[in-house]
Protein backbone atom coordinates (compact mmCIF):
# COMPACT_ATOMS: atom_id res chain seq x y z
CA MET A 1 -34.08 -60.76 16.93
CA GLY A 2 -30.85 -60.27 15.04
CA ALA A 3 -32.70 -59.02 11.98
CA VAL A 4 -34.55 -56.40 14.05
CA GLN A 5 -31.26 -55.20 15.59
CA SER A 6 -29.62 -55.04 12.15
CA SER A 7 -32.56 -53.01 10.77
CA SER A 8 -32.36 -50.70 13.75
CA GLU A 9 -28.62 -50.15 13.23
CA GLN A 10 -29.28 -49.37 9.56
CA VAL A 11 -31.91 -46.79 10.41
CA SER A 12 -29.59 -45.25 12.98
CA GLY A 13 -26.74 -45.17 10.47
CA ARG A 14 -28.99 -43.43 7.88
CA GLY A 15 -30.00 -40.93 10.54
CA VAL A 16 -26.37 -40.13 11.38
CA ALA A 17 -25.59 -39.79 7.66
CA VAL A 18 -28.50 -37.39 7.12
CA SER A 19 -27.48 -35.39 10.21
CA ASN A 20 -23.91 -35.11 8.92
CA ALA A 21 -25.13 -34.11 5.50
CA ILE A 22 -27.25 -31.34 7.00
CA ARG A 23 -24.37 -30.20 9.18
CA TYR A 24 -21.87 -30.10 6.29
CA GLY A 25 -24.45 -28.45 4.03
CA ALA A 26 -25.04 -25.71 6.61
CA LEU A 27 -21.30 -25.26 6.92
CA ALA A 28 -20.91 -25.00 3.16
CA ILE A 29 -23.07 -21.88 3.02
CA PRO A 30 -20.73 -19.55 4.94
CA LEU A 31 -17.72 -21.18 3.27
CA LEU A 32 -19.19 -20.52 -0.14
CA PHE A 33 -19.87 -16.90 0.92
CA VAL A 34 -16.25 -16.46 1.99
CA VAL A 35 -14.93 -17.98 -1.24
CA VAL A 36 -17.19 -15.95 -3.50
CA PHE A 37 -16.96 -12.54 -1.73
CA PHE A 38 -13.48 -12.66 -0.13
CA VAL A 39 -11.10 -15.29 -1.51
CA THR A 40 -12.03 -14.79 -5.20
CA PRO A 41 -11.73 -10.98 -5.23
CA LEU A 42 -8.52 -11.20 -3.26
CA ALA A 43 -7.07 -13.77 -5.67
CA LEU A 44 -8.07 -11.58 -8.64
CA THR A 45 -6.44 -8.52 -6.95
CA ILE A 46 -3.17 -10.41 -6.44
CA ALA A 47 -3.28 -11.69 -10.03
CA VAL A 48 -3.88 -8.20 -11.47
CA SER A 49 -0.98 -6.85 -9.44
CA PHE A 50 1.36 -8.90 -11.69
CA TRP A 51 -0.27 -7.81 -14.94
CA GLU A 52 1.02 -4.94 -17.05
CA ARG A 53 -0.51 -1.76 -18.45
CA ALA A 54 -1.34 -1.64 -22.13
CA GLY A 55 -2.38 1.96 -22.88
CA PHE A 56 -5.60 2.64 -21.09
CA TRP A 57 -6.14 -1.01 -20.28
CA ILE A 58 -4.20 -3.94 -18.78
CA ARG A 59 -3.26 -7.34 -20.12
CA PRO A 60 -2.31 -10.62 -18.37
CA ALA A 61 1.40 -11.03 -17.69
CA PHE A 62 3.77 -11.93 -14.90
CA THR A 63 5.79 -8.87 -13.99
CA VAL A 64 6.72 -7.23 -10.67
CA GLN A 65 6.80 -3.76 -12.29
CA ALA A 66 3.87 -2.57 -10.20
CA TYR A 67 5.55 -3.67 -6.93
CA ALA A 68 8.83 -2.08 -8.02
CA GLU A 69 7.01 1.16 -8.82
CA PHE A 70 5.39 1.10 -5.40
CA PHE A 71 8.40 0.28 -3.24
CA ALA A 72 10.83 2.45 -5.20
CA GLY A 73 8.59 5.49 -5.69
CA PRO A 74 7.05 8.15 -3.41
CA ARG A 75 4.10 5.92 -2.61
CA PHE A 76 6.34 3.84 -0.36
CA PHE A 77 6.67 6.95 1.82
CA VAL A 78 2.86 6.94 2.01
CA LEU A 79 3.04 3.35 3.28
CA LYS A 80 5.42 4.35 6.04
CA ARG A 81 3.32 7.37 6.94
CA SER A 82 0.17 5.22 7.00
CA LEU A 83 1.87 2.77 9.39
CA ILE A 84 2.90 5.62 11.72
CA VAL A 85 -0.53 7.32 11.62
CA ALA A 86 -2.34 3.99 12.12
CA GLY A 87 -0.06 3.15 15.05
CA LEU A 88 -0.63 6.51 16.78
CA VAL A 89 -4.38 6.32 16.15
CA THR A 90 -4.47 2.78 17.60
CA ALA A 91 -2.53 3.84 20.69
CA LEU A 92 -4.78 6.85 21.28
CA GLY A 93 -7.92 4.78 20.65
CA LEU A 94 -6.71 2.08 23.06
CA ALA A 95 -5.93 4.68 25.72
CA LEU A 96 -9.51 5.96 25.45
CA ALA A 97 -11.34 2.69 24.88
CA TYR A 98 -9.72 0.59 27.64
CA PRO A 99 -10.81 2.76 30.63
CA ILE A 100 -14.34 2.98 29.18
CA ALA A 101 -14.57 -0.85 28.69
CA TYR A 102 -12.99 -1.42 32.12
CA VAL A 103 -15.57 0.63 33.93
CA LEU A 104 -18.48 -0.83 31.95
CA ALA A 105 -17.31 -4.40 32.47
CA LEU A 106 -16.16 -4.36 36.08
CA HIS A 107 -17.69 -1.39 37.82
CA THR A 108 -21.10 -0.93 36.22
CA ARG A 109 -24.31 -2.98 36.46
CA ALA A 110 -24.93 -5.19 33.51
CA ARG A 111 -28.10 -3.34 32.42
CA VAL A 112 -26.39 0.05 32.50
CA SER A 113 -23.37 -1.20 30.61
CA ARG A 114 -25.62 -2.59 27.86
CA VAL A 115 -27.37 0.73 27.47
CA VAL A 116 -24.02 2.60 27.25
CA LEU A 117 -22.71 0.09 24.73
CA LEU A 118 -25.87 0.64 22.71
CA LEU A 119 -25.30 4.38 22.82
CA PHE A 120 -21.86 3.92 21.26
CA THR A 121 -23.63 2.52 18.17
CA VAL A 122 -25.93 5.51 17.77
CA PRO A 123 -23.38 7.65 15.78
CA PHE A 124 -23.22 4.85 13.20
CA VAL A 125 -26.82 5.56 12.32
CA VAL A 126 -25.54 8.69 10.63
CA ASN A 127 -23.82 8.31 7.29
CA TYR A 128 -20.02 7.89 7.67
CA ILE A 129 -19.18 10.66 5.24
CA ILE A 130 -21.59 13.11 6.96
CA ARG A 131 -20.01 12.31 10.33
CA THR A 132 -16.55 13.00 8.88
CA PHE A 133 -17.69 16.26 7.36
CA SER A 134 -19.09 17.34 10.75
CA TRP A 135 -15.52 17.21 12.10
CA GLU A 136 -14.43 19.58 9.38
CA TYR A 137 -17.01 22.06 10.66
CA LEU A 138 -16.14 21.53 14.32
CA LEU A 139 -12.39 21.99 13.79
CA GLY A 140 -12.57 24.89 11.29
CA ARG A 141 -11.35 28.45 11.95
CA THR A 142 -14.97 29.55 12.64
CA GLY A 143 -16.07 26.23 14.12
CA PRO A 144 -17.28 25.59 17.67
CA VAL A 145 -13.86 24.42 18.94
CA ASN A 146 -12.01 27.59 17.94
CA GLN A 147 -14.93 29.79 19.04
CA ALA A 148 -15.04 28.13 22.46
CA LEU A 149 -11.30 28.56 22.94
CA LEU A 150 -11.50 32.17 21.83
CA GLY A 151 -14.44 32.82 24.17
CA ALA A 152 -12.63 31.29 27.11
CA GLY A 153 -9.59 33.43 26.47
CA VAL A 154 -7.32 30.39 25.98
CA ILE A 155 -6.25 31.59 22.54
CA HIS A 156 -6.32 35.02 20.86
CA HIS A 157 -6.63 33.86 17.23
CA PRO A 158 -8.07 30.78 15.60
CA LEU A 159 -5.85 27.68 15.50
CA ASP A 160 -5.09 26.80 11.93
CA TRP A 161 -3.48 23.41 12.83
CA LEU A 162 -6.77 21.94 13.95
CA LEU A 163 -7.84 21.27 10.38
CA PHE A 164 -6.12 19.88 7.31
CA THR A 165 -3.21 18.54 9.29
CA ASP A 166 -2.14 15.22 10.88
CA VAL A 167 -3.96 16.35 14.01
CA SER A 168 -7.36 16.57 12.30
CA VAL A 169 -6.81 13.28 10.44
CA MET A 170 -5.96 11.49 13.69
CA ILE A 171 -8.97 12.99 15.47
CA GLY A 172 -11.22 11.79 12.70
CA LEU A 173 -9.69 8.36 12.69
CA VAL A 174 -9.88 7.96 16.46
CA ALA A 175 -13.52 9.08 16.47
CA SER A 176 -14.29 6.60 13.65
CA TYR A 177 -12.57 3.48 15.07
CA MET A 178 -12.34 3.97 18.85
CA PRO A 179 -15.93 2.77 19.40
CA PHE A 180 -15.13 -0.47 17.60
CA MET A 181 -12.26 -0.99 19.99
CA ILE A 182 -14.53 -0.79 23.05
CA TYR A 183 -16.50 -3.92 22.25
CA PRO A 184 -13.68 -6.58 22.17
CA LEU A 185 -12.20 -4.96 25.25
CA TRP A 186 -15.49 -5.12 27.06
CA VAL A 187 -16.04 -8.74 26.05
CA SER A 188 -12.57 -9.72 27.35
CA LEU A 189 -12.92 -7.80 30.62
CA ALA A 190 -16.48 -8.95 31.28
CA GLY A 191 -15.26 -12.55 30.98
CA ILE A 192 -12.80 -12.21 33.88
CA ASP A 193 -13.88 -14.02 37.03
CA ARG A 194 -14.41 -11.23 39.56
CA ARG A 195 -13.64 -13.63 42.35
CA LEU A 196 -10.02 -13.53 41.33
CA ILE A 197 -9.92 -9.77 41.70
CA GLU A 198 -11.84 -9.83 44.99
CA ALA A 199 -9.52 -12.53 46.36
CA SER A 200 -6.54 -10.42 45.46
CA TRP A 201 -7.97 -7.43 47.33
CA MET A 202 -8.82 -9.59 50.35
CA LEU A 203 -5.18 -10.77 50.48
CA GLY A 204 -4.14 -7.15 50.71
CA ALA A 205 -2.89 -6.55 47.19
CA ALA A 206 -2.99 -2.95 45.97
CA PRO A 207 -5.44 -2.15 43.19
CA ALA A 208 -2.59 -1.25 40.83
CA TRP A 209 -0.88 -4.66 41.48
CA THR A 210 -4.19 -6.47 40.91
CA PHE A 211 -4.73 -4.65 37.64
CA LEU A 212 -1.22 -5.26 36.35
CA ARG A 213 -0.95 -8.90 37.47
CA ILE A 214 -4.54 -10.18 36.97
CA THR A 215 -6.86 -7.88 35.04
CA LEU A 216 -4.52 -6.69 32.30
CA PRO A 217 -3.03 -10.14 31.45
CA LEU A 218 -6.45 -11.78 31.32
CA SER A 219 -7.77 -9.04 29.06
CA MET A 220 -4.92 -9.18 26.54
CA PRO A 221 -6.95 -11.13 23.92
CA GLY A 222 -9.40 -8.23 23.89
CA VAL A 223 -6.54 -5.70 23.81
CA PHE A 224 -5.02 -7.38 20.76
CA ALA A 225 -8.41 -7.60 19.05
CA ALA A 226 -8.96 -3.92 19.69
CA ILE A 227 -5.59 -3.16 18.21
CA ILE A 228 -6.59 -5.10 15.09
CA PHE A 229 -9.81 -3.14 14.82
CA GLY A 230 -8.09 0.21 15.22
CA PHE A 231 -4.95 -0.43 13.19
CA VAL A 232 -6.53 -2.21 10.25
CA GLY A 233 -9.37 0.24 9.94
CA SER A 234 -7.22 3.37 10.13
CA PHE A 235 -4.48 1.84 7.96
CA GLY A 236 -6.86 1.32 5.07
CA GLU A 237 -8.96 4.43 5.52
CA SER A 238 -9.61 6.64 2.46
CA ALA A 239 -12.38 9.14 3.29
CA VAL A 240 -10.94 10.74 6.45
CA PRO A 241 -7.59 11.72 4.89
CA ILE A 242 -9.34 13.36 1.94
CA ILE A 243 -11.94 15.27 3.99
CA LEU A 244 -9.88 16.19 7.09
CA GLY A 245 -6.37 16.12 5.61
CA GLY A 246 -7.08 18.28 2.62
CA LEU A 247 -5.78 18.09 -0.94
CA GLY A 248 -2.48 16.31 -1.14
CA TYR A 249 -2.72 14.45 2.15
CA GLN A 250 -2.10 10.80 1.33
CA LEU A 251 -2.62 7.61 3.25
CA MET A 252 -2.80 4.16 1.76
CA GLY A 253 -6.54 4.24 1.21
CA ASN A 254 -6.75 7.35 -0.93
CA THR A 255 -3.40 6.57 -2.58
CA ILE A 256 -4.98 3.39 -3.93
CA THR A 257 -7.98 5.42 -5.06
CA SER A 258 -5.75 7.89 -6.88
CA ALA A 259 -4.01 5.02 -8.69
CA LEU A 260 -7.46 3.79 -9.82
CA ASP A 261 -8.40 7.27 -10.97
CA VAL A 262 -5.53 7.24 -13.47
CA LEU A 263 -6.38 3.66 -14.56
CA ASN A 264 -3.19 2.19 -13.11
CA TYR A 265 -4.88 -0.98 -12.03
CA PRO A 266 -1.75 -3.14 -11.52
CA LEU A 267 -0.27 -0.54 -9.16
CA ALA A 268 -3.55 -0.17 -7.28
CA ALA A 269 -3.77 -3.97 -7.02
CA ALA A 270 -0.17 -4.19 -5.79
CA MET A 271 -0.75 -1.61 -3.06
CA SER A 272 -4.02 -3.31 -2.09
CA SER A 273 -2.17 -6.61 -1.86
CA VAL A 274 0.40 -5.13 0.46
CA VAL A 275 -2.31 -3.67 2.68
CA VAL A 276 -4.10 -7.03 2.82
CA VAL A 277 -0.86 -8.81 3.75
CA VAL A 278 -0.35 -6.41 6.66
CA MET A 279 -3.92 -6.95 7.82
CA LEU A 280 -3.66 -10.75 7.54
CA ALA A 281 -0.36 -10.71 9.47
CA PHE A 282 -2.16 -9.07 12.39
CA LEU A 283 -5.01 -11.57 12.29
CA ALA A 284 -2.54 -14.48 12.06
CA CYS A 285 -0.66 -13.19 15.13
CA TRP A 286 -3.87 -12.95 17.08
CA TYR A 287 -4.86 -16.46 16.05
CA LEU A 288 -1.52 -17.92 16.94
CA VAL A 289 -0.99 -16.13 20.26
CA PHE A 290 -4.47 -16.30 21.71
CA ASP A 291 -7.17 -18.95 22.05
CA VAL A 292 -9.87 -17.39 19.84
CA ARG A 293 -12.46 -19.91 20.88
CA SER A 294 -12.18 -19.05 24.59
CA PHE A 295 -12.27 -15.34 23.76
CA LEU A 296 -15.41 -15.62 21.64
CA GLY A 297 -17.01 -17.93 24.26
CA LYS A 298 -17.02 -15.08 26.72
CA ILE A 299 -19.75 -13.41 24.64
CA VAL A 300 -22.15 -15.94 26.07
CA ARG A 301 -21.79 -14.40 29.55
CA TRP A 302 -23.27 -11.13 28.18
CA SER A 303 -26.73 -12.67 28.35
CA ALA A 304 -26.29 -13.86 31.91
């Protein structure tokens, strides 16, 4: 009897070992992907940022010359401008995305909200560069926006500041990244227990009080996630500033590209490292402040 029990325990132990091996093997696949396609290029970028130029090439070294050139030169102004533009774009995108997500999550039937959310993905079927060039046509002197304003008698001559200015760049960035901000907001708002809101109304609380004391605090993980999507995307953008900002308009994305064009790889790597640090700082704040697992768990309710 004891021998049978011992054999059964051995079989059970081998089964657990096999199960653990399969589990860790499956986990190793995404980890390997992250190491190969994210950690390794990032480590190489940081390493190159400390190298030095040697004619038209670079050679291994340990120097902070690239960082000194960045922080002491005119490109540091581009960093500050990029932070300001990204902040404004994020604020505008959040002001547009939150009401949309709020209505879809709390005041629209699930089937309708899914259709609308699907419609927000339709523009991404069109090539990103083509969509950006379409804004150049829309905002131009002879474009539909100026023609509509002229036809309505609102203006008497075309508005030159609609294109190749900060305004056109921010319009392009908001149009590019605002749809991405809707989805985490919707996930967070859809996960709120509506009974809490209804109970607040039954107790006589005003809708504004309910929103400020219940809805908004409970949706803050989605708000912060939307801020990350908007800020990180617009902060590192390169195509929109070139197309809608015109020649000479610089944000961090196309500034890094211009450094690469003149083969200044250490400087480009240093600027890229700074951008990555800013992005990782936002992600770290989100991870430390909010329970990411509970936020992602709300996605399951979408299928209910």
